[in-house]
Amino acid sequence: MAVTTLIKLYRGEAITIPFAFQTATDITGWTITFTVSDRPNSTTKVVSSVTCTHVDDESGEFSVVLSADDTDLSPSNLYFWDVWRTDSGYERMLGSGRFMVVASARVPTT
């Protein structure tokens, strides 16, 4: 897979982000995690290793569910995301890219 793309969402949005391999890939038994950081290769994670949900194991479809708290980030186009297969014996990047948080009128509430 190793796809690079922009994910754009609004601050405070609860969202499900779908992922799929371009060709059918059986992901049965895989642990897949999604992470967002404030810059490439940063130890500071703004969304820390959310485990992805398997949608269709045989075709390789999975998704990540982010809560409103996860996306309550300062608006910026300078965040970075990645998705990794992290189960026993595997540490492989499946995708990465920019993570843009757009300002909204609703958040922050205080």
C-alpha atoms as a PDB file:
ATOM      1  CA  MET A   1       0.000   0.000   0.000  1.00  0.00           C
ATOM      2  CA  ALA A   2       2.305   2.790   1.305  1.00  0.00           C
ATOM      3  CA  VAL A   3       0.007   5.503  -0.028  1.00  0.00           C
ATOM      4  CA  THR A   4       0.717   9.152   0.688  1.00  0.00           C
ATOM      5  CA  THR A   5      -2.280  11.472   0.844  1.00  0.00           C
ATOM      6  CA  LEU A   6      -3.787  14.511   2.582  1.00  0.00           C
ATOM      7  CA  ILE A   7      -6.398  13.962   5.302  1.00  0.00           C
ATOM      8  CA  LYS A   8      -8.416  17.125   5.897  1.00  0.00           C
ATOM      9  CA  LEU A   9     -10.951  17.536   8.710  1.00  0.00           C
ATOM     10  CA  TYR A  10     -12.503  20.187  10.925  1.00  0.00           C
ATOM     11  CA  ARG A  11     -11.360  20.896  14.466  1.00  0.00           C
ATOM     12  CA  GLY A  12     -13.484  18.934  16.930  1.00  0.00           C
ATOM     13  CA  GLU A  13     -14.963  16.648  14.279  1.00  0.00           C
ATOM     14  CA  ALA A  14     -15.748  13.025  15.188  1.00  0.00           C
ATOM     15  CA  ILE A  15     -14.874  11.103  12.035  1.00  0.00           C
ATOM     16  CA  THR A  16     -14.255   7.650  10.623  1.00  0.00           C
ATOM     17  CA  ILE A  17     -11.471   7.563   8.034  1.00  0.00           C
ATOM     18  CA  PRO A  18     -11.627   4.569   5.651  1.00  0.00           C
ATOM     19  CA  PHE A  19      -8.582   2.849   4.181  1.00  0.00           C
ATOM     20  CA  ALA A  20      -8.316   0.109   1.547  1.00  0.00           C
ATOM     21  CA  PHE A  21      -5.521  -1.592  -0.344  1.00  0.00           C
ATOM     22  CA  GLN A  22      -5.485  -0.965  -4.109  1.00  0.00           C
ATOM     23  CA  THR A  23      -5.413  -4.732  -4.662  1.00  0.00           C
ATOM     24  CA  ALA A  24      -7.161  -7.202  -2.366  1.00  0.00           C
ATOM     25  CA  THR A  25      -4.894  -8.031   0.590  1.00  0.00           C
ATOM     26  CA  ASP A  26      -5.961 -10.316   3.415  1.00  0.00           C
ATOM     27  CA  ILE A  27      -5.396  -8.433   6.697  1.00  0.00           C
ATOM     28  CA  THR A  28      -6.783 -11.133   8.980  1.00  0.00           C
ATOM     29  CA  GLY A  29      -4.935 -11.033  12.307  1.00  0.00           C
ATOM     30  CA  TRP A  30      -3.133  -7.769  11.561  1.00  0.00           C
ATOM     31  CA  THR A  31      -2.800  -5.038  14.179  1.00  0.00           C
ATOM     32  CA  ILE A  32      -2.964  -1.686  12.392  1.00  0.00           C
ATOM     33  CA  THR A  33      -2.332   1.621  14.167  1.00  0.00           C
ATOM     34  CA  PHE A  34      -2.877   5.247  13.141  1.00  0.00           C
ATOM     35  CA  THR A  35      -0.772   8.098  14.575  1.00  0.00           C
ATOM     36  CA  VAL A  36      -0.578  11.869  14.072  1.00  0.00           C
ATOM     37  CA  SER A  37       2.421  13.991  15.056  1.00  0.00           C
ATOM     38  CA  ASP A  38       3.190  17.687  14.918  1.00  0.00           C
ATOM     39  CA  ARG A  39       6.144  17.192  12.542  1.00  0.00           C
ATOM     40  CA  PRO A  40       7.923  14.320  10.773  1.00  0.00           C
ATOM     41  CA  ASN A  41       9.944  12.012  13.049  1.00  0.00           C
ATOM     42  CA  SER A  42       8.669  13.793  16.158  1.00  0.00           C
ATOM     43  CA  THR A  43       8.392  12.118  19.544  1.00  0.00           C
ATOM     44  CA  THR A  44       5.414  14.395  20.256  1.00  0.00           C
ATOM     45  CA  LYS A  45       2.227  12.630  19.132  1.00  0.00           C
ATOM     46  CA  VAL A  46      -0.957  14.669  18.903  1.00  0.00           C
ATOM     47  CA  VAL A  47      -3.001  11.495  18.243  1.00  0.00           C
ATOM     48  CA  SER A  48      -1.266   8.488  19.764  1.00  0.00           C
ATOM     49  CA  SER A  49      -1.478   5.081  18.071  1.00  0.00           C
ATOM     50  CA  VAL A  50      -5.205   4.550  17.605  1.00  0.00           C
ATOM     51  CA  THR A  51      -5.929   0.914  16.733  1.00  0.00           C
ATOM     52  CA  CYS A  52      -7.748   0.644  13.413  1.00  0.00           C
ATOM     53  CA  THR A  53     -10.951  -1.343  12.947  1.00  0.00           C
ATOM     54  CA  HIS A  54     -11.021  -4.135  10.391  1.00  0.00           C
ATOM     55  CA  VAL A  55     -13.944  -3.582   7.998  1.00  0.00           C
ATOM     56  CA  ASP A  56     -13.337  -6.404   5.468  1.00  0.00           C
ATOM     57  CA  ASP A  57     -10.352  -8.638   6.250  1.00  0.00           C
ATOM     58  CA  GLU A  58     -10.250 -10.436   2.902  1.00  0.00           C
ATOM     59  CA  SER A  59     -10.204  -7.303   0.738  1.00  0.00           C
ATOM     60  CA  GLY A  60      -7.995  -5.299   3.104  1.00  0.00           C
ATOM     61  CA  GLU A  61     -10.438  -2.605   4.190  1.00  0.00           C
ATOM     62  CA  PHE A  62      -9.960  -0.947   7.571  1.00  0.00           C
ATOM     63  CA  SER A  63     -10.780   2.358   9.214  1.00  0.00           C
ATOM     64  CA  VAL A  64      -9.739   4.600  12.062  1.00  0.00           C
ATOM     65  CA  VAL A  65     -12.292   6.258  14.303  1.00  0.00           C
ATOM     66  CA  LEU A  66     -11.275   9.634  15.722  1.00  0.00           C
ATOM     67  CA  SER A  67     -13.321  11.274  18.447  1.00  0.00           C
ATOM     68  CA  ALA A  68     -13.995  14.994  18.775  1.00  0.00           C
ATOM     69  CA  ASP A  69     -11.328  15.043  21.523  1.00  0.00           C
ATOM     70  CA  ASP A  70      -8.782  13.476  19.123  1.00  0.00           C
ATOM     71  CA  THR A  71      -9.351  16.227  16.562  1.00  0.00           C
ATOM     72  CA  ASP A  72      -9.535  19.132  19.019  1.00  0.00           C
ATOM     73  CA  LEU A  73      -6.186  20.356  17.694  1.00  0.00           C
ATOM     74  CA  SER A  74      -4.992  23.820  16.769  1.00  0.00           C
ATOM     75  CA  PRO A  75      -5.873  24.451  13.134  1.00  0.00           C
ATOM     76  CA  SER A  76      -2.830  23.726  10.971  1.00  0.00           C
ATOM     77  CA  ASN A  77      -1.698  22.026   7.782  1.00  0.00           C
ATOM     78  CA  LEU A  78       1.594  21.044   9.434  1.00  0.00           C
ATOM     79  CA  TYR A  79       0.522  17.772  11.081  1.00  0.00           C
ATOM     80  CA  PHE A  80       1.599  14.386   9.731  1.00  0.00           C
ATOM     81  CA  TRP A  81      -0.166  10.991   9.898  1.00  0.00           C
ATOM     82  CA  ASP A  82       0.877   7.421   9.322  1.00  0.00           C
ATOM     83  CA  VAL A  83      -0.648   3.941   9.465  1.00  0.00           C
ATOM     84  CA  TRP A  84       1.485   0.940  10.412  1.00  0.00           C
ATOM     85  CA  ARG A  85       1.065  -2.791  10.589  1.00  0.00           C
ATOM     86  CA  THR A  86       2.470  -3.478  14.054  1.00  0.00           C
ATOM     87  CA  ASP A  87       1.797  -7.114  14.872  1.00  0.00           C
ATOM     88  CA  SER A  88       4.385  -9.717  15.893  1.00  0.00           C
ATOM     89  CA  GLY A  89       7.283  -9.790  13.461  1.00  0.00           C
ATOM     90  CA  TYR A  90       6.032  -6.835  11.417  1.00  0.00           C
ATOM     91  CA  GLU A  91       6.667  -3.110  11.599  1.00  0.00           C
ATOM     92  CA  ARG A  92       5.597  -1.882   8.180  1.00  0.00           C
ATOM     93  CA  MET A  93       4.214   1.469   7.069  1.00  0.00           C
ATOM     94  CA  LEU A  94       1.001   1.127   5.084  1.00  0.00           C
ATOM     95  CA  GLY A  95       0.388   4.820   4.417  1.00  0.00           C
ATOM     96  CA  SER A  96       1.315   8.355   5.416  1.00  0.00           C
ATOM     97  CA  GLY A  97       0.736  11.981   4.580  1.00  0.00           C
ATOM     98  CA  ARG A  98      -0.272  15.433   5.738  1.00  0.00           C
ATOM     99  CA  PHE A  99      -3.045  15.849   8.309  1.00  0.00           C
ATOM    100  CA  MET A 100      -4.838  19.202   8.014  1.00  0.00           C
ATOM    101  CA  VAL A 101      -7.089  20.535  10.765  1.00  0.00           C
ATOM    102  CA  VAL A 102      -9.354  23.353   9.598  1.00  0.00           C
ATOM    103  CA  ALA A 103     -10.787  25.964  11.988  1.00  0.00           C
ATOM    104  CA  SER A 104     -14.442  25.760  12.957  1.00  0.00           C
ATOM    105  CA  ALA A 105     -16.766  28.169  14.760  1.00  0.00           C
ATOM    106  CA  ARG A 106     -17.870  25.488  17.236  1.00  0.00           C
ATOM    107  CA  VAL A 107     -14.507  24.500  18.782  1.00  0.00           C
ATOM    108  CA  PRO A 108     -12.954  25.395  21.163  1.00  0.00           C
ATOM    109  CA  THR A 109     -15.886  25.823  23.502  1.00  0.00           C
ATOM    110  CA  THR A 110     -14.010  27.638  26.276  1.00  0.00           C
END
